[in-house]
Amino acid sequence: MTRTAQKLDQKSRWAESVKRYKGWNKAAVALANKHASISMN
């Protein structure tokens, strides 16, 4: 989460958006859930 501000890919931009509106902790959990759902498919 600390390097997403420097990246321009779609997932990093999404994570920055969540971090801005929900806070760092909720953004980290949301990103972990996103990764888990991707790996389960």
PDB file of N, CA and C in Angstrom:
ATOM      1  N   MET A   1       0.814  -1.191   0.000  1.00  0.00           N
ATOM      2  CA  MET A   1       0.000   0.000   0.000  1.00  0.00           C
ATOM      3  C   MET A   1       0.860   1.258   0.000  1.00  0.00           C
ATOM      4  N   THR A   2       2.099   1.150   0.383  1.00  0.00           N
ATOM      5  CA  THR A   2       2.924   2.352   0.458  1.00  0.00           C
ATOM      6  C   THR A   2       3.425   2.787  -0.913  1.00  0.00           C
ATOM      7  N   ARG A   3       3.436   1.887  -1.876  1.00  0.00           N
ATOM      8  CA  ARG A   3       3.957   2.231  -3.194  1.00  0.00           C
ATOM      9  C   ARG A   3       2.888   2.398  -4.264  1.00  0.00           C
ATOM     10  N   THR A   4       1.646   2.283  -3.905  1.00  0.00           N
ATOM     11  CA  THR A   4       0.595   2.382  -4.913  1.00  0.00           C
ATOM     12  C   THR A   4       0.472   3.789  -5.483  1.00  0.00           C
ATOM     13  N   ALA A   5       0.904   4.785  -4.742  1.00  0.00           N
ATOM     14  CA  ALA A   5       0.804   6.169  -5.227  1.00  0.00           C
ATOM     15  C   ALA A   5       1.721   6.401  -6.430  1.00  0.00           C
ATOM     16  N   GLN A   6       2.822   5.649  -6.514  1.00  0.00           N
ATOM     17  CA  GLN A   6       3.765   5.840  -7.617  1.00  0.00           C
ATOM     18  C   GLN A   6       3.423   5.017  -8.852  1.00  0.00           C
ATOM     19  N   LYS A   7       2.511   4.067  -8.711  1.00  0.00           N
ATOM     20  CA  LYS A   7       2.185   3.185  -9.826  1.00  0.00           C
ATOM     21  C   LYS A   7       0.947   3.680 -10.566  1.00  0.00           C
ATOM     22  N   LEU A   8       0.854   3.323 -11.827  1.00  0.00           N
ATOM     23  CA  LEU A   8      -0.246   3.794 -12.661  1.00  0.00           C
ATOM     24  C   LEU A   8      -1.173   2.680 -13.143  1.00  0.00           C
ATOM     25  N   ASP A   9      -0.921   1.434 -12.706  1.00  0.00           N
ATOM     26  CA  ASP A   9      -1.792   0.358 -13.166  1.00  0.00           C
ATOM     27  C   ASP A   9      -3.164   0.463 -12.505  1.00  0.00           C
ATOM     28  N   GLN A  10      -4.118  -0.241 -13.050  1.00  0.00           N
ATOM     29  CA  GLN A  10      -5.515  -0.115 -12.613  1.00  0.00           C
ATOM     30  C   GLN A  10      -5.708  -0.527 -11.156  1.00  0.00           C
ATOM     31  N   LYS A  11      -5.074  -1.609 -10.733  1.00  0.00           N
ATOM     32  CA  LYS A  11      -5.253  -2.070  -9.358  1.00  0.00           C
ATOM     33  C   LYS A  11      -4.659  -1.078  -8.356  1.00  0.00           C
ATOM     34  N   SER A  12      -3.533  -0.475  -8.684  1.00  0.00           N
ATOM     35  CA  SER A  12      -2.928   0.521  -7.795  1.00  0.00           C
ATOM     36  C   SER A  12      -3.783   1.774  -7.705  1.00  0.00           C
ATOM     37  N   ARG A  13      -4.340   2.185  -8.827  1.00  0.00           N
ATOM     38  CA  ARG A  13      -5.222   3.360  -8.799  1.00  0.00           C
ATOM     39  C   ARG A  13      -6.474   3.066  -7.986  1.00  0.00           C
ATOM     40  N   TRP A  14      -7.003   1.846  -8.099  1.00  0.00           N
ATOM     41  CA  TRP A  14      -8.171   1.452  -7.307  1.00  0.00           C
ATOM     42  C   TRP A  14      -7.826   1.470  -5.824  1.00  0.00           C
ATOM     43  N   ALA A  15      -6.661   0.911  -5.469  1.00  0.00           N
ATOM     44  CA  ALA A  15      -6.244   0.868  -4.068  1.00  0.00           C
ATOM     45  C   ALA A  15      -6.053   2.271  -3.508  1.00  0.00           C
ATOM     46  N   GLU A  16      -5.495   3.173  -4.291  1.00  0.00           N
ATOM     47  CA  GLU A  16      -5.327   4.558  -3.847  1.00  0.00           C
ATOM     48  C   GLU A  16      -6.680   5.223  -3.612  1.00  0.00           C
ATOM     49  N   SER A  17      -7.631   4.923  -4.468  1.00  0.00           N
ATOM     50  CA  SER A  17      -8.974   5.486  -4.312  1.00  0.00           C
ATOM     51  C   SER A  17      -9.614   4.988  -3.016  1.00  0.00           C
ATOM     52  N   VAL A  18      -9.511   3.688  -2.761  1.00  0.00           N
ATOM     53  CA  VAL A  18     -10.071   3.130  -1.525  1.00  0.00           C
ATOM     54  C   VAL A  18      -9.352   3.726  -0.318  1.00  0.00           C
ATOM     55  N   LYS A  19      -8.036   3.845  -0.399  1.00  0.00           N
ATOM     56  CA  LYS A  19      -7.258   4.394   0.712  1.00  0.00           C
ATOM     57  C   LYS A  19      -7.654   5.837   1.006  1.00  0.00           C
ATOM     58  N   ARG A  20      -7.900   6.590  -0.033  1.00  0.00           N
ATOM     59  CA  ARG A  20      -8.282   7.997   0.138  1.00  0.00           C
ATOM     60  C   ARG A  20      -9.642   8.131   0.819  1.00  0.00           C
ATOM     61  N   TYR A  21     -10.604   7.289   0.468  1.00  0.00           N
ATOM     62  CA  TYR A  21     -11.963   7.432   0.996  1.00  0.00           C
ATOM     63  C   TYR A  21     -12.224   6.635   2.270  1.00  0.00           C
ATOM     64  N   LYS A  22     -11.549   5.497   2.425  1.00  0.00           N
ATOM     65  CA  LYS A  22     -11.850   4.616   3.555  1.00  0.00           C
ATOM     66  C   LYS A  22     -10.738   4.542   4.589  1.00  0.00           C
ATOM     67  N   GLY A  23      -9.526   4.929   4.231  1.00  0.00           N
ATOM     68  CA  GLY A  23      -8.400   4.831   5.153  1.00  0.00           C
ATOM     69  C   GLY A  23      -7.479   3.690   4.789  1.00  0.00           C
ATOM     70  N   TRP A  24      -6.273   3.737   5.370  1.00  0.00           N
ATOM     71  CA  TRP A  24      -5.226   2.785   5.014  1.00  0.00           C
ATOM     72  C   TRP A  24      -5.596   1.359   5.385  1.00  0.00           C
ATOM     73  N   ASN A  25      -6.093   1.143   6.596  1.00  0.00           N
ATOM     74  CA  ASN A  25      -6.388  -0.222   7.058  1.00  0.00           C
ATOM     75  C   ASN A  25      -7.476  -0.885   6.222  1.00  0.00           C
ATOM     76  N   LYS A  26      -8.544  -0.171   5.954  1.00  0.00           N
ATOM     77  CA  LYS A  26      -9.637  -0.755   5.158  1.00  0.00           C
ATOM     78  C   LYS A  26      -9.185  -1.003   3.725  1.00  0.00           C
ATOM     79  N   ALA A  27      -8.322  -0.148   3.213  1.00  0.00           N
ATOM     80  CA  ALA A  27      -7.800  -0.350   1.860  1.00  0.00           C
ATOM     81  C   ALA A  27      -6.928  -1.594   1.799  1.00  0.00           C
ATOM     82  N   ALA A  28      -6.127  -1.821   2.820  1.00  0.00           N
ATOM     83  CA  ALA A  28      -5.275  -3.014   2.863  1.00  0.00           C
ATOM     84  C   ALA A  28      -6.122  -4.286   2.904  1.00  0.00           C
ATOM     85  N   VAL A  29      -7.180  -4.280   3.699  1.00  0.00           N
ATOM     86  CA  VAL A  29      -8.071  -5.442   3.777  1.00  0.00           C
ATOM     87  C   VAL A  29      -8.810  -5.642   2.453  1.00  0.00           C
ATOM     88  N   ALA A  30      -9.247  -4.556   1.840  1.00  0.00           N
ATOM     89  CA  ALA A  30      -9.949  -4.656   0.560  1.00  0.00           C
ATOM     90  C   ALA A  30      -9.035  -5.224  -0.517  1.00  0.00           C
ATOM     91  N   LEU A  31      -7.777  -4.805  -0.525  1.00  0.00           N
ATOM     92  CA  LEU A  31      -6.829  -5.318  -1.512  1.00  0.00           C
ATOM     93  C   LEU A  31      -6.532  -6.793  -1.254  1.00  0.00           C
ATOM     94  N   ALA A  32      -6.406  -7.178   0.005  1.00  0.00           N
ATOM     95  CA  ALA A  32      -6.185  -8.589   0.336  1.00  0.00           C
ATOM     96  C   ALA A  32      -7.378  -9.437  -0.105  1.00  0.00           C
ATOM     97  N   ASN A  33      -8.585  -8.940   0.117  1.00  0.00           N
ATOM     98  CA  ASN A  33      -9.790  -9.659  -0.319  1.00  0.00           C
ATOM     99  C   ASN A  33      -9.849  -9.766  -1.832  1.00  0.00           C
ATOM    100  N   LYS A  34      -9.437  -8.711  -2.511  1.00  0.00           N
ATOM    101  CA  LYS A  34      -9.427  -8.732  -3.979  1.00  0.00           C
ATOM    102  C   LYS A  34      -8.435  -9.780  -4.477  1.00  0.00           C
ATOM    103  N   HIS A  35      -7.258  -9.840  -3.874  1.00  0.00           N
ATOM    104  CA  HIS A  35      -6.266 -10.836  -4.262  1.00  0.00           C
ATOM    105  C   HIS A  35      -6.756 -12.257  -3.967  1.00  0.00           C
ATOM    106  N   ALA A  36      -7.413 -12.434  -2.830  1.00  0.00           N
ATOM    107  CA  ALA A  36      -7.930 -13.750  -2.478  1.00  0.00           C
ATOM    108  C   ALA A  36      -9.011 -14.198  -3.449  1.00  0.00           C
ATOM    109  N   SER A  37      -9.892 -13.291  -3.836  1.00  0.00           N
ATOM    110  CA  SER A  37     -10.957 -13.681  -4.761  1.00  0.00           C
ATOM    111  C   SER A  37     -10.406 -13.983  -6.145  1.00  0.00           C
ATOM    112  N   ILE A  38      -9.352 -13.290  -6.540  1.00  0.00           N
ATOM    113  CA  ILE A  38      -8.732 -13.557  -7.852  1.00  0.00           C
ATOM    114  C   ILE A  38      -8.059 -14.929  -7.840  1.00  0.00           C
ATOM    115  N   SER A  39      -7.370 -15.258  -6.749  1.00  0.00           N
ATOM    116  CA  SER A  39      -6.633 -16.518  -6.693  1.00  0.00           C
ATOM    117  C   SER A  39      -7.579 -17.725  -6.552  1.00  0.00           C
ATOM    118  N   MET A  40      -8.780 -17.502  -6.046  1.00  0.00           N
ATOM    119  CA  MET A  40      -9.731 -18.604  -5.885  1.00  0.00           C
ATOM    120  C   MET A  40     -10.422 -18.967  -7.203  1.00  0.00           C
ATOM    121  N   ASN A  41     -10.391 -18.093  -8.159  1.00  0.00           N
ATOM    122  CA  ASN A  41     -11.069 -18.363  -9.443  1.00  0.00           C
ATOM    123  C   ASN A  41     -10.188 -19.102 -10.391  1.00  0.00           C
TER     124      ASN A  41
END
